[in-house]
Amino acid sequence: MLETIPETTKPILLAHKSISPMLLPLARMNSSAFSFLSDFVLVLLLFIQVPSSSSNDDLFTACSKKFVCGHISAGFPFWGNDRSPACGVPELELRCENNIAKMNISQVAYRVLEINQDDGILRIAREDYMVGLCSPQFMNSTFNPKVFEYVEGYKNLTFIYGCKDAPPTIPGRIPFICKINEVNDQGGYIQEGDTGPGECNRSVLVPVSKTDLPPIGIFPGWEELLRKGFEVRLKVDREACWECFTTSGACGIDCATNQTTCYCPNQSSGSKTCAILPAPAAPGKKSRNSALEIGLSSAGAVVGGALLGCWIMAFIQRRRRKAAVEKTEELPVATPPSKSLATSTNRSSNF
């Protein structure tokens, strides 16, 4: 006796049997979409470095320019104005104010009087002392030893302010009178070396030229000496940029490594030189060799592009074949014909 299936169970079985056929097209559709998206992402990743080359061209353009302000013109290792921070050492930013070149070093404002890039010499004067001796910023002229070093022929002098007594009889002291803000005592003096304010109110350390020291007691001479400024030597490896310059590149600083780098047109940064391109032939005198070189370079570019395109297409086709195989494996397998049907067919063929 056959067991009857309850009517309440039939809808559940029918629903169960209909799940697989409904889900199979969705699964196949999702697999095709995933394959297309993965192929698209692959092609996108292959060309993802195109924007980086254009940004490198922008740095080449920016770092090829000179900083120009008044009679001051400077390239590497300086930056400022149209020159990007990637074009120079961070401590060597220049700015132009009223056609006067200026810069800040260790929070002190300086006026740039001269730049000798061949010798790496920078002549600067404190901006606060350009108007006189009695309005200083009260900060010492100090320099990062990794970037600057003193030039021979200079020594440090300490200008001391706000003293009750500055007698001229003390050896090595050059007295002067200054009224400074919030200080009643107007006495002051100049002393060699880095002595600090001592018993006085404030002091400022400034390098001065040994050969330009004015006679003791001539007050205007000291102000003129401060306006002349002093020289410092840049401790920057300019030789590292020499090969970059000779290959028509623009030298700069890699912010990630803090090392010199060479910016080149249509070439990624990170190298010390630019790729040397063949010199253009004179008009009307193109040789067979130059034509051959142009043909070979063009052919190489075409072959390279063709190989890249073939590799991409092969990869996409391989992905599609794999998807097709997986799709075939999901199809139901056909049931082979029964033995009785084969026997019947054989018998009929005998008649």
C-alpha atoms as a PDB file:
ATOM      1  CA  MET A   1       0.000   0.000   0.000  1.00  0.00           C
ATOM      2  CA  LEU A   2       1.262   3.389  -0.966  1.00  0.00           C
ATOM      3  CA  GLU A   3       1.593   5.914   1.784  1.00  0.00           C
ATOM      4  CA  THR A   4      -0.320   9.073   1.037  1.00  0.00           C
ATOM      5  CA  ILE A   5       1.304  12.460   1.581  1.00  0.00           C
ATOM      6  CA  PRO A   6      -0.720  14.864   3.697  1.00  0.00           C
ATOM      7  CA  GLU A   7      -2.087  17.850   1.818  1.00  0.00           C
ATOM      8  CA  THR A   8      -0.472  20.234   4.316  1.00  0.00           C
ATOM      9  CA  THR A   9       2.982  18.884   3.472  1.00  0.00           C
ATOM     10  CA  LYS A  10       2.751  19.219  -0.335  1.00  0.00           C
ATOM     11  CA  PRO A  11       3.245  23.017  -0.491  1.00  0.00           C
ATOM     12  CA  ILE A  12       6.358  22.722   1.643  1.00  0.00           C
ATOM     13  CA  LEU A  13       7.867  20.079  -0.643  1.00  0.00           C
ATOM     14  CA  LEU A  14       6.998  22.057  -3.752  1.00  0.00           C
ATOM     15  CA  ALA A  15       8.561  25.156  -2.288  1.00  0.00           C
ATOM     16  CA  HIS A  16      11.689  23.213  -1.374  1.00  0.00           C
ATOM     17  CA  LYS A  17      12.020  21.853  -4.911  1.00  0.00           C
ATOM     18  CA  SER A  18      11.568  25.290  -6.452  1.00  0.00           C
ATOM     19  CA  ILE A  19      14.339  26.964  -4.412  1.00  0.00           C
ATOM     20  CA  SER A  20      17.286  25.553  -6.369  1.00  0.00           C
ATOM     21  CA  PRO A  21      16.067  26.471  -9.882  1.00  0.00           C
ATOM     22  CA  MET A  22      15.293  30.023  -8.717  1.00  0.00           C
ATOM     23  CA  LEU A  23      18.629  30.583  -7.002  1.00  0.00           C
ATOM     24  CA  LEU A  24      20.789  29.158  -9.777  1.00  0.00           C
ATOM     25  CA  PRO A  25      20.273  32.079 -12.212  1.00  0.00           C
ATOM     26  CA  LEU A  26      20.935  34.547  -9.392  1.00  0.00           C
ATOM     27  CA  ALA A  27      24.162  32.777  -8.467  1.00  0.00           C
ATOM     28  CA  ARG A  28      25.254  32.714 -12.087  1.00  0.00           C
ATOM     29  CA  MET A  29      24.379  36.398 -12.476  1.00  0.00           C
ATOM     30  CA  ASN A  30      26.356  37.341  -9.362  1.00  0.00           C
ATOM     31  CA  SER A  31      29.329  35.301 -10.573  1.00  0.00           C
ATOM     32  CA  SER A  32      29.328  37.113 -13.937  1.00  0.00           C
ATOM     33  CA  ALA A  33      29.029  40.498 -12.264  1.00  0.00           C
ATOM     34  CA  PHE A  34      31.882  39.674  -9.880  1.00  0.00           C
ATOM     35  CA  SER A  35      34.041  38.517 -12.805  1.00  0.00           C
ATOM     36  CA  PHE A  36      33.365  41.756 -14.704  1.00  0.00           C
ATOM     37  CA  LEU A  37      34.110  43.922 -11.661  1.00  0.00           C
ATOM     38  CA  SER A  38      37.348  42.088 -10.897  1.00  0.00           C
ATOM     39  CA  ASP A  39      38.480  42.504 -14.527  1.00  0.00           C
ATOM     40  CA  PHE A  40      37.641  46.210 -14.394  1.00  0.00           C
ATOM     41  CA  VAL A  41      39.578  46.690 -11.142  1.00  0.00           C
ATOM     42  CA  LEU A  42      42.585  44.879 -12.638  1.00  0.00           C
ATOM     43  CA  VAL A  43      42.708  47.201 -15.659  1.00  0.00           C
ATOM     44  CA  LEU A  44      42.279  50.218 -13.391  1.00  0.00           C
ATOM     45  CA  LEU A  45      45.210  49.133 -11.196  1.00  0.00           C
ATOM     46  CA  LEU A  46      47.454  48.721 -14.218  1.00  0.00           C
ATOM     47  CA  PHE A  47      47.021  52.387 -15.136  1.00  0.00           C
ATOM     48  CA  ILE A  48      46.753  53.800 -11.624  1.00  0.00           C
ATOM     49  CA  GLN A  49      50.199  55.458 -11.842  1.00  0.00           C
ATOM     50  CA  VAL A  50      49.292  57.790 -14.692  1.00  0.00           C
ATOM     51  CA  PRO A  51      48.227  60.643 -12.327  1.00  0.00           C
ATOM     52  CA  SER A  52      51.493  60.331 -10.384  1.00  0.00           C
ATOM     53  CA  SER A  53      53.496  61.041 -13.521  1.00  0.00           C
ATOM     54  CA  SER A  54      51.465  64.175 -14.205  1.00  0.00           C
ATOM     55  CA  SER A  55      52.030  65.408 -10.635  1.00  0.00           C
ATOM     56  CA  ASN A  56      55.749  64.773 -11.152  1.00  0.00           C
ATOM     57  CA  ASP A  57      55.569  66.973 -14.268  1.00  0.00           C
ATOM     58  CA  ASP A  58      54.023  69.707 -12.096  1.00  0.00           C
ATOM     59  CA  LEU A  59      56.959  69.461  -9.659  1.00  0.00           C
ATOM     60  CA  PHE A  60      59.402  69.606 -12.558  1.00  0.00           C
ATOM     61  CA  THR A  61      57.736  72.805 -13.776  1.00  0.00           C
ATOM     62  CA  ALA A  62      57.632  74.370 -10.291  1.00  0.00           C
ATOM     63  CA  CYS A  63      61.210  73.442  -9.370  1.00  0.00           C
ATOM     64  CA  SER A  64      62.559  74.642 -12.729  1.00  0.00           C
ATOM     65  CA  LYS A  65      61.537  78.184 -11.790  1.00  0.00           C
ATOM     66  CA  LYS A  66      63.739  80.596  -9.837  1.00  0.00           C
ATOM     67  CA  PHE A  67      62.788  82.571  -6.764  1.00  0.00           C
ATOM     68  CA  VAL A  68      63.094  86.192  -7.885  1.00  0.00           C
ATOM     69  CA  CYS A  69      62.663  89.193  -5.582  1.00  0.00           C
ATOM     70  CA  GLY A  70      64.457  92.486  -6.134  1.00  0.00           C
ATOM     71  CA  HIS A  71      68.086  91.693  -6.940  1.00  0.00           C
ATOM     72  CA  ILE A  72      67.853  88.234  -5.323  1.00  0.00           C
ATOM     73  CA  SER A  73      67.496  85.151  -7.548  1.00  0.00           C
ATOM     74  CA  ALA A  74      67.774  81.628  -6.170  1.00  0.00           C
ATOM     75  CA  GLY A  75      67.078  78.014  -7.055  1.00  0.00           C
ATOM     76  CA  PHE A  76      67.800  74.806  -5.121  1.00  0.00           C
ATOM     77  CA  PRO A  77      68.107  74.443  -2.100  1.00  0.00           C
ATOM     78  CA  PHE A  78      65.753  77.415  -1.608  1.00  0.00           C
ATOM     79  CA  TRP A  79      61.999  77.446  -2.105  1.00  0.00           C
ATOM     80  CA  GLY A  80      59.156  79.948  -1.822  1.00  0.00           C
ATOM     81  CA  ASN A  81      56.728  81.950  -3.981  1.00  0.00           C
ATOM     82  CA  ASP A  82      56.194  79.789  -7.112  1.00  0.00           C
ATOM     83  CA  ARG A  83      58.684  77.177  -5.937  1.00  0.00           C
ATOM     84  CA  SER A  84      56.948  74.299  -4.126  1.00  0.00           C
ATOM     85  CA  PRO A  85      58.159  73.110  -0.675  1.00  0.00           C
ATOM     86  CA  ALA A  86      59.333  69.964  -2.497  1.00  0.00           C
ATOM     87  CA  CYS A  87      61.864  72.141  -4.361  1.00  0.00           C
ATOM     88  CA  GLY A  88      64.110  72.918  -1.386  1.00  0.00           C
ATOM     89  CA  VAL A  89      65.220  72.362   2.195  1.00  0.00           C
ATOM     90  CA  PRO A  90      62.411  73.070   4.720  1.00  0.00           C
ATOM     91  CA  GLU A  91      64.541  75.619   6.672  1.00  0.00           C
ATOM     92  CA  LEU A  92      65.338  77.617   3.515  1.00  0.00           C
ATOM     93  CA  GLU A  93      61.998  79.194   2.634  1.00  0.00           C
ATOM     94  CA  LEU A  94      62.237  82.618   0.995  1.00  0.00           C
ATOM     95  CA  ARG A  95      59.489  85.217   0.810  1.00  0.00           C
ATOM     96  CA  CYS A  96      59.189  88.534  -0.992  1.00  0.00           C
ATOM     97  CA  GLU A  97      57.866  91.613   0.836  1.00  0.00           C
ATOM     98  CA  ASN A  98      57.847  95.006  -0.914  1.00  0.00           C
ATOM     99  CA  ASN A  99      60.427  93.673  -3.374  1.00  0.00           C
ATOM    100  CA  ILE A 100      62.733  92.693  -0.490  1.00  0.00           C
ATOM    101  CA  ALA A 101      63.743  89.040   0.037  1.00  0.00           C
ATOM    102  CA  LYS A 102      63.310  87.797   3.592  1.00  0.00           C
ATOM    103  CA  MET A 103      63.402  84.533   5.528  1.00  0.00           C
ATOM    104  CA  ASN A 104      62.930  83.205   9.051  1.00  0.00           C
ATOM    105  CA  ILE A 105      65.635  81.158  10.781  1.00  0.00           C
ATOM    106  CA  SER A 106      64.959  79.749  14.255  1.00  0.00           C
ATOM    107  CA  GLN A 107      62.018  82.178  14.685  1.00  0.00           C
ATOM    108  CA  VAL A 108      64.150  85.255  13.885  1.00  0.00           C
ATOM    109  CA  ALA A 109      63.325  87.381  10.813  1.00  0.00           C
ATOM    110  CA  TYR A 110      66.238  88.157   8.470  1.00  0.00           C
ATOM    111  CA  ARG A 111      66.674  90.250   5.371  1.00  0.00           C
ATOM    112  CA  VAL A 112      68.436  88.391   2.565  1.00  0.00           C
ATOM    113  CA  LEU A 113      71.243  90.626   1.272  1.00  0.00           C
ATOM    114  CA  GLU A 114      73.062  88.209  -1.036  1.00  0.00           C
ATOM    115  CA  ILE A 115      72.989  84.576  -2.177  1.00  0.00           C
ATOM    116  CA  ASN A 116      76.106  83.008  -3.691  1.00  0.00           C
ATOM    117  CA  GLN A 117      74.879  79.614  -4.853  1.00  0.00           C
ATOM    118  CA  ASP A 118      78.190  78.633  -6.436  1.00  0.00           C
ATOM    119  CA  ASP A 119      79.899  78.756  -3.026  1.00  0.00           C
ATOM    120  CA  GLY A 120      76.770  78.049  -0.967  1.00  0.00           C
ATOM    121  CA  ILE A 121      77.131  81.348   0.958  1.00  0.00           C
ATOM    122  CA  LEU A 122      74.164  83.303   2.328  1.00  0.00           C
ATOM    123  CA  ARG A 123      74.519  86.901   3.608  1.00  0.00           C
ATOM    124  CA  ILE A 124      71.699  87.967   5.915  1.00  0.00           C
ATOM    125  CA  ALA A 125      70.952  90.775   8.381  1.00  0.00           C
ATOM    126  CA  ARG A 126      68.529  90.796  11.289  1.00  0.00           C
ATOM    127  CA  GLU A 127      65.345  92.597  10.320  1.00  0.00           C
ATOM    128  CA  ASP A 128      64.916  94.125  13.808  1.00  0.00           C
ATOM    129  CA  TYR A 129      68.356  95.771  13.688  1.00  0.00           C
ATOM    130  CA  MET A 130      67.744  97.334  10.265  1.00  0.00           C
ATOM    131  CA  VAL A 131      65.935 100.210  12.017  1.00  0.00           C
ATOM    132  CA  GLY A 132      68.447 100.707  14.834  1.00  0.00           C
ATOM    133  CA  LEU A 133      70.126  99.171  17.856  1.00  0.00           C
ATOM    134  CA  CYS A 134      67.384  99.888  20.410  1.00  0.00           C
ATOM    135  CA  SER A 135      64.453  97.840  19.046  1.00  0.00           C
ATOM    136  CA  PRO A 136      65.653  94.233  19.061  1.00  0.00           C
ATOM    137  CA  GLN A 137      63.462  91.128  19.006  1.00  0.00           C
ATOM    138  CA  PHE A 138      65.401  89.779  22.026  1.00  0.00           C
ATOM    139  CA  MET A 139      66.110  86.414  20.466  1.00  0.00           C
ATOM    140  CA  ASN A 140      69.597  85.088  19.769  1.00  0.00           C
ATOM    141  CA  SER A 141      70.789  84.437  16.233  1.00  0.00           C
ATOM    142  CA  THR A 142      71.074  80.666  16.388  1.00  0.00           C
ATOM    143  CA  PHE A 143      71.292  78.230  13.474  1.00  0.00           C
ATOM    144  CA  ASN A 144      70.574  74.561  12.899  1.00  0.00           C
ATOM    145  CA  PRO A 145      74.065  72.991  12.592  1.00  0.00           C
ATOM    146  CA  LYS A 146      72.688  70.418  10.146  1.00  0.00           C
ATOM    147  CA  VAL A 147      71.837  73.194   7.660  1.00  0.00           C
ATOM    148  CA  PHE A 148      74.152  76.136   8.489  1.00  0.00           C
ATOM    149  CA  GLU A 149      77.709  76.749   9.594  1.00  0.00           C
ATOM    150  CA  TYR A 150      79.598  79.961  10.328  1.00  0.00           C
ATOM    151  CA  VAL A 151      81.998  81.420   7.803  1.00  0.00           C
ATOM    152  CA  GLU A 152      85.561  82.281   8.812  1.00  0.00           C
ATOM    153  CA  GLY A 153      86.163  85.888   9.824  1.00  0.00           C
ATOM    154  CA  TYR A 154      83.131  86.278  12.107  1.00  0.00           C
ATOM    155  CA  LYS A 155      82.650  86.178  15.859  1.00  0.00           C
ATOM    156  CA  ASN A 156      79.717  86.398  18.266  1.00  0.00           C
ATOM    157  CA  LEU A 157      78.913  89.584  20.146  1.00  0.00           C
ATOM    158  CA  THR A 158      76.348  89.911  22.928  1.00  0.00           C
ATOM    159  CA  PHE A 159      74.270  93.096  23.020  1.00  0.00           C
ATOM    160  CA  ILE A 160      73.057  93.524  26.593  1.00  0.00           C
ATOM    161  CA  TYR A 161      70.109  95.775  27.549  1.00  0.00           C
ATOM    162  CA  GLY A 162      68.466  97.154  30.685  1.00  0.00           C
ATOM    163  CA  CYS A 163      71.517  97.541  32.954  1.00  0.00           C
ATOM    164  CA  LYS A 164      71.707  99.799  36.016  1.00  0.00           C
ATOM    165  CA  ASP A 165      75.414 100.260  35.585  1.00  0.00           C
ATOM    166  CA  ALA A 166      77.598  99.734  32.542  1.00  0.00           C
ATOM    167  CA  PRO A 167      80.891 101.442  33.397  1.00  0.00           C
ATOM    168  CA  PRO A 168      83.287 101.911  30.476  1.00  0.00           C
ATOM    169  CA  THR A 169      86.232 101.009  32.706  1.00  0.00           C
ATOM    170  CA  ILE A 170      85.402  97.277  32.638  1.00  0.00           C
ATOM    171  CA  PRO A 171      87.649  95.646  29.975  1.00  0.00           C
ATOM    172  CA  GLY A 172      85.855  94.267  26.957  1.00  0.00           C
ATOM    173  CA  ARG A 173      82.621  96.213  27.509  1.00  0.00           C
ATOM    174  CA  ILE A 174      81.444  98.829  25.046  1.00  0.00           C
ATOM    175  CA  PRO A 175      78.683 100.952  26.685  1.00  0.00           C
ATOM    176  CA  PHE A 176      75.658 102.489  25.006  1.00  0.00           C
ATOM    177  CA  ILE A 177      72.305 103.976  26.067  1.00  0.00           C
ATOM    178  CA  CYS A 178      68.968 102.543  24.930  1.00  0.00           C
ATOM    179  CA  LYS A 179      65.410 102.974  26.085  1.00  0.00           C
ATOM    180  CA  ILE A 180      63.589  99.676  25.713  1.00  0.00           C
ATOM    181  CA  ASN A 181      59.964  98.873  26.452  1.00  0.00           C
ATOM    182  CA  GLU A 182      58.930  97.982  30.028  1.00  0.00           C
ATOM    183  CA  VAL A 183      62.463  98.525  31.341  1.00  0.00           C
ATOM    184  CA  ASN A 184      63.409 101.637  33.315  1.00  0.00           C
ATOM    185  CA  ASP A 185      67.168 101.110  33.172  1.00  0.00           C
ATOM    186  CA  GLN A 186      68.611 102.480  29.935  1.00  0.00           C
ATOM    187  CA  GLY A 187      72.193 101.318  30.257  1.00  0.00           C
ATOM    188  CA  GLY A 188      73.584  98.735  27.921  1.00  0.00           C
ATOM    189  CA  TYR A 189      76.847  97.398  26.600  1.00  0.00           C
ATOM    190  CA  ILE A 190      78.401  95.132  24.012  1.00  0.00           C
ATOM    191  CA  GLN A 191      80.592  92.244  25.042  1.00  0.00           C
ATOM    192  CA  GLU A 192      82.432  89.615  23.035  1.00  0.00           C
ATOM    193  CA  GLY A 193      81.211  86.024  23.193  1.00  0.00           C
ATOM    194  CA  ASP A 194      77.969  84.483  24.393  1.00  0.00           C
ATOM    195  CA  THR A 195      77.698  85.919  27.906  1.00  0.00           C
ATOM    196  CA  GLY A 196      73.963  86.245  28.392  1.00  0.00           C
ATOM    197  CA  PRO A 197      72.301  89.204  30.183  1.00  0.00           C
ATOM    198  CA  GLY A 198      74.000  88.601  33.535  1.00  0.00           C
ATOM    199  CA  GLU A 199      72.602  91.111  36.038  1.00  0.00           C
ATOM    200  CA  CYS A 200      70.910  93.111  33.281  1.00  0.00           C
ATOM    201  CA  ASN A 201      67.461  92.633  31.804  1.00  0.00           C
ATOM    202  CA  ARG A 202      67.859  91.159  28.294  1.00  0.00           C
ATOM    203  CA  SER A 203      70.517  90.226  25.728  1.00  0.00           C
ATOM    204  CA  VAL A 204      70.867  89.363  22.047  1.00  0.00           C
ATOM    205  CA  LEU A 205      73.638  87.279  20.456  1.00  0.00           C
ATOM    206  CA  VAL A 206      74.637  88.336  16.916  1.00  0.00           C
ATOM    207  CA  PRO A 207      77.590  87.304  14.671  1.00  0.00           C
ATOM    208  CA  VAL A 208      79.609  90.241  13.297  1.00  0.00           C
ATOM    209  CA  SER A 209      82.581  90.621  10.982  1.00  0.00           C
ATOM    210  CA  LYS A 210      85.956  90.870  12.716  1.00  0.00           C
ATOM    211  CA  THR A 211      87.386  93.177  10.057  1.00  0.00           C
ATOM    212  CA  ASP A 212      84.452  95.623  10.127  1.00  0.00           C
ATOM    213  CA  LEU A 213      84.413  96.319  13.878  1.00  0.00           C
ATOM    214  CA  PRO A 214      84.041 100.100  14.460  1.00  0.00           C
ATOM    215  CA  PRO A 215      86.173 102.029  16.953  1.00  0.00           C
ATOM    216  CA  ILE A 216      85.045 101.940  20.571  1.00  0.00           C
ATOM    217  CA  GLY A 217      82.627 104.740  21.420  1.00  0.00           C
ATOM    218  CA  ILE A 218      81.355 105.376  17.867  1.00  0.00           C
ATOM    219  CA  PHE A 219      77.747 104.344  18.344  1.00  0.00           C
ATOM    220  CA  PRO A 220      76.445 104.780  14.753  1.00  0.00           C
ATOM    221  CA  GLY A 221      79.236 102.497  13.532  1.00  0.00           C
ATOM    222  CA  TRP A 222      77.752  99.537  15.409  1.00  0.00           C
ATOM    223  CA  GLU A 223      74.328 100.076  13.884  1.00  0.00           C
ATOM    224  CA  GLU A 224      75.883 100.192  10.418  1.00  0.00           C
ATOM    225  CA  LEU A 225      77.784  96.977  11.207  1.00  0.00           C
ATOM    226  CA  LEU A 226      74.503  95.198  12.061  1.00  0.00           C
ATOM    227  CA  ARG A 227      72.915  96.421   8.806  1.00  0.00           C
ATOM    228  CA  LYS A 228      75.758  94.877   6.808  1.00  0.00           C
ATOM    229  CA  GLY A 229      74.752  91.528   8.188  1.00  0.00           C
ATOM    230  CA  PHE A 230      76.869  88.392   8.280  1.00  0.00           C
ATOM    231  CA  GLU A 231      77.509  85.283   6.221  1.00  0.00           C
ATOM    232  CA  VAL A 232      76.646  81.645   6.838  1.00  0.00           C
ATOM    233  CA  ARG A 233      77.501  78.629   4.717  1.00  0.00           C
ATOM    234  CA  LEU A 234      74.796  76.171   3.676  1.00  0.00           C
ATOM    235  CA  LYS A 235      75.534  72.562   4.601  1.00  0.00           C
ATOM    236  CA  VAL A 236      73.582  71.132   1.693  1.00  0.00           C
ATOM    237  CA  ASP A 237      74.903  68.431  -0.620  1.00  0.00           C
ATOM    238  CA  ARG A 238      74.685  70.413  -3.858  1.00  0.00           C
ATOM    239  CA  GLU A 239      76.857  67.849  -5.652  1.00  0.00           C
ATOM    240  CA  ALA A 240      73.980  65.369  -5.416  1.00  0.00           C
ATOM    241  CA  CYS A 241      72.027  67.673  -7.751  1.00  0.00           C
ATOM    242  CA  TRP A 242      74.814  68.246 -10.230  1.00  0.00           C
ATOM    243  CA  GLU A 243      74.034  65.189 -12.352  1.00  0.00           C
ATOM    244  CA  CYS A 244      70.342  66.104 -12.210  1.00  0.00           C
ATOM    245  CA  PHE A 245      71.084  69.571 -13.587  1.00  0.00           C
ATOM    246  CA  THR A 246      73.345  68.208 -16.328  1.00  0.00           C
ATOM    247  CA  THR A 247      70.543  65.910 -17.531  1.00  0.00           C
ATOM    248  CA  SER A 248      68.054  68.834 -17.734  1.00  0.00           C
ATOM    249  CA  GLY A 249      66.272  67.864 -14.531  1.00  0.00           C
ATOM    250  CA  ALA A 250      64.996  69.982 -11.630  1.00  0.00           C
ATOM    251  CA  CYS A 251      66.469  69.148  -8.236  1.00  0.00           C
ATOM    252  CA  GLY A 252      64.292  68.955  -5.150  1.00  0.00           C
ATOM    253  CA  ILE A 253      63.728  67.209  -1.847  1.00  0.00           C
ATOM    254  CA  ASP A 254      61.767  63.967  -1.438  1.00  0.00           C
ATOM    255  CA  CYS A 255      59.534  64.704   1.563  1.00  0.00           C
ATOM    256  CA  ALA A 256      59.256  60.998   2.438  1.00  0.00           C
ATOM    257  CA  THR A 257      63.016  60.331   2.638  1.00  0.00           C
ATOM    258  CA  ASN A 258      64.248  63.928   3.153  1.00  0.00           C
ATOM    259  CA  GLN A 259      66.855  63.230   0.458  1.00  0.00           C
ATOM    260  CA  THR A 260      67.603  65.039  -2.783  1.00  0.00           C
ATOM    261  CA  THR A 261      65.729  63.802  -5.829  1.00  0.00           C
ATOM    262  CA  CYS A 262      65.510  64.693  -9.523  1.00  0.00           C
ATOM    263  CA  TYR A 263      62.237  65.774 -11.089  1.00  0.00           C
ATOM    264  CA  CYS A 264      62.053  65.048 -14.810  1.00  0.00           C
ATOM    265  CA  PRO A 265      59.365  65.581 -17.473  1.00  0.00           C
ATOM    266  CA  ASN A 266      57.390  62.410 -18.264  1.00  0.00           C
ATOM    267  CA  GLN A 267      59.429  60.418 -15.754  1.00  0.00           C
ATOM    268  CA  SER A 268      58.734  59.265 -12.209  1.00  0.00           C
ATOM    269  CA  SER A 269      60.808  60.788  -9.415  1.00  0.00           C
ATOM    270  CA  GLY A 270      63.176  58.902  -7.145  1.00  0.00           C
ATOM    271  CA  SER A 271      66.264  58.825  -9.363  1.00  0.00           C
ATOM    272  CA  LYS A 272      69.296  61.111  -9.273  1.00  0.00           C
ATOM    273  CA  THR A 273      69.241  61.854 -13.007  1.00  0.00           C
ATOM    274  CA  CYS A 274      66.835  62.157 -15.917  1.00  0.00           C
ATOM    275  CA  ALA A 275      66.769  59.758 -18.833  1.00  0.00           C
ATOM    276  CA  ILE A 276      68.902  61.295 -21.594  1.00  0.00           C
ATOM    277  CA  LEU A 277      66.855  61.659 -24.781  1.00  0.00           C
ATOM    278  CA  PRO A 278      68.565  61.651 -28.225  1.00  0.00           C
ATOM    279  CA  ALA A 279      69.356  65.128 -29.536  1.00  0.00           C
ATOM    280  CA  PRO A 280      67.063  66.241 -32.386  1.00  0.00           C
ATOM    281  CA  ALA A 281      68.668  66.128 -35.809  1.00  0.00           C
ATOM    282  CA  ALA A 282      69.229  69.330 -37.783  1.00  0.00           C
ATOM    283  CA  PRO A 283      66.415  70.228 -40.229  1.00  0.00           C
ATOM    284  CA  GLY A 284      66.867  68.493 -43.575  1.00  0.00           C
ATOM    285  CA  LYS A 285      69.740  66.324 -42.293  1.00  0.00           C
ATOM    286  CA  LYS A 286      67.988  63.318 -40.846  1.00  0.00           C
ATOM    287  CA  SER A 287      70.287  60.366 -41.169  1.00  0.00           C
ATOM    288  CA  ARG A 288      69.266  56.816 -41.736  1.00  0.00           C
ATOM    289  CA  ASN A 289      70.462  55.942 -38.246  1.00  0.00           C
ATOM    290  CA  SER A 290      68.224  58.560 -36.629  1.00  0.00           C
ATOM    291  CA  ALA A 291      65.269  57.330 -38.669  1.00  0.00           C
ATOM    292  CA  LEU A 292      66.076  53.787 -37.623  1.00  0.00           C
ATOM    293  CA  GLU A 293      66.285  54.826 -33.955  1.00  0.00           C
ATOM    294  CA  ILE A 294      62.934  56.581 -34.164  1.00  0.00           C
ATOM    295  CA  GLY A 295      61.407  53.551 -35.879  1.00  0.00           C
ATOM    296  CA  LEU A 296      62.791  51.168 -33.291  1.00  0.00           C
ATOM    297  CA  SER A 297      61.639  53.307 -30.383  1.00  0.00           C
ATOM    298  CA  SER A 298      58.160  53.630 -31.903  1.00  0.00           C
ATOM    299  CA  ALA A 299      58.049  49.903 -32.606  1.00  0.00           C
ATOM    300  CA  GLY A 300      59.150  49.200 -29.072  1.00  0.00           C
ATOM    301  CA  ALA A 301      56.356  51.373 -27.723  1.00  0.00           C
ATOM    302  CA  VAL A 302      53.801  49.649 -29.963  1.00  0.00           C
ATOM    303  CA  VAL A 303      55.077  46.179 -29.063  1.00  0.00           C
ATOM    304  CA  GLY A 304      55.088  47.057 -25.388  1.00  0.00           C
ATOM    305  CA  GLY A 305      51.517  48.326 -25.602  1.00  0.00           C
ATOM    306  CA  ALA A 306      50.461  45.279 -27.599  1.00  0.00           C
ATOM    307  CA  LEU A 307      52.020  42.913 -25.076  1.00  0.00           C
ATOM    308  CA  LEU A 308      50.280  44.685 -22.232  1.00  0.00           C
ATOM    309  CA  GLY A 309      46.956  44.555 -24.087  1.00  0.00           C
ATOM    310  CA  CYS A 310      47.432  40.859 -24.900  1.00  0.00           C
ATOM    311  CA  TRP A 311      48.237  40.094 -21.290  1.00  0.00           C
ATOM    312  CA  ILE A 312      45.092  41.878 -20.140  1.00  0.00           C
ATOM    313  CA  MET A 313      42.878  40.136 -22.720  1.00  0.00           C
ATOM    314  CA  ALA A 314      44.373  36.726 -21.935  1.00  0.00           C
ATOM    315  CA  PHE A 315      43.725  37.233 -18.250  1.00  0.00           C
ATOM    316  CA  ILE A 316      40.104  38.311 -18.890  1.00  0.00           C
ATOM    317  CA  GLN A 317      39.470  35.350 -21.226  1.00  0.00           C
ATOM    318  CA  ARG A 318      40.967  32.958 -18.674  1.00  0.00           C
ATOM    319  CA  ARG A 319      38.605  34.367 -16.047  1.00  0.00           C
ATOM    320  CA  ARG A 320      35.625  33.993 -18.384  1.00  0.00           C
ATOM    321  CA  ARG A 321      36.527  30.378 -19.285  1.00  0.00           C
ATOM    322  CA  LYS A 322      36.757  29.559 -15.602  1.00  0.00           C
ATOM    323  CA  ALA A 323      33.340  31.129 -15.031  1.00  0.00           C
ATOM    324  CA  ALA A 324      31.892  29.141 -17.966  1.00  0.00           C
ATOM    325  CA  VAL A 325      33.240  25.861 -16.547  1.00  0.00           C
ATOM    326  CA  GLU A 326      31.738  26.651 -13.169  1.00  0.00           C
ATOM    327  CA  LYS A 327      28.437  27.432 -14.889  1.00  0.00           C
ATOM    328  CA  THR A 328      28.502  24.088 -16.737  1.00  0.00           C
ATOM    329  CA  GLU A 329      29.189  22.156 -13.555  1.00  0.00           C
ATOM    330  CA  GLU A 330      26.086  23.657 -11.967  1.00  0.00           C
ATOM    331  CA  LEU A 331      23.731  22.322 -14.744  1.00  0.00           C
ATOM    332  CA  PRO A 332      21.777  19.071 -13.959  1.00  0.00           C
ATOM    333  CA  VAL A 333      23.310  15.907 -15.421  1.00  0.00           C
ATOM    334  CA  ALA A 334      21.196  14.111 -18.067  1.00  0.00           C
ATOM    335  CA  THR A 335      19.970  10.615 -17.093  1.00  0.00           C
ATOM    336  CA  PRO A 336      21.278   7.879 -19.450  1.00  0.00           C
ATOM    337  CA  PRO A 337      18.640   5.812 -21.351  1.00  0.00           C
ATOM    338  CA  SER A 338      17.468   2.588 -19.650  1.00  0.00           C
ATOM    339  CA  LYS A 339      18.747  -0.812 -20.692  1.00  0.00           C
ATOM    340  CA  SER A 340      15.314  -1.932 -21.771  1.00  0.00           C
ATOM    341  CA  LEU A 341      15.065   0.973 -24.202  1.00  0.00           C
ATOM    342  CA  ALA A 342      18.432   0.064 -25.741  1.00  0.00           C
ATOM    343  CA  THR A 343      17.340  -3.578 -26.098  1.00  0.00           C
ATOM    344  CA  SER A 344      14.129  -2.546 -27.747  1.00  0.00           C
ATOM    345  CA  THR A 345      16.011  -0.341 -30.170  1.00  0.00           C
ATOM    346  CA  ASN A 346      18.323  -3.195 -31.127  1.00  0.00           C
ATOM    347  CA  ARG A 347      15.436  -5.516 -31.760  1.00  0.00           C
ATOM    348  CA  SER A 348      13.663  -3.043 -33.945  1.00  0.00           C
ATOM    349  CA  SER A 349      16.792  -2.536 -36.014  1.00  0.00           C
ATOM    350  CA  ASN A 350      16.875  -6.261 -36.800  1.00  0.00           C
ATOM    351  CA  PHE A 351      13.578  -6.144 -38.692  1.00  0.00           C
END
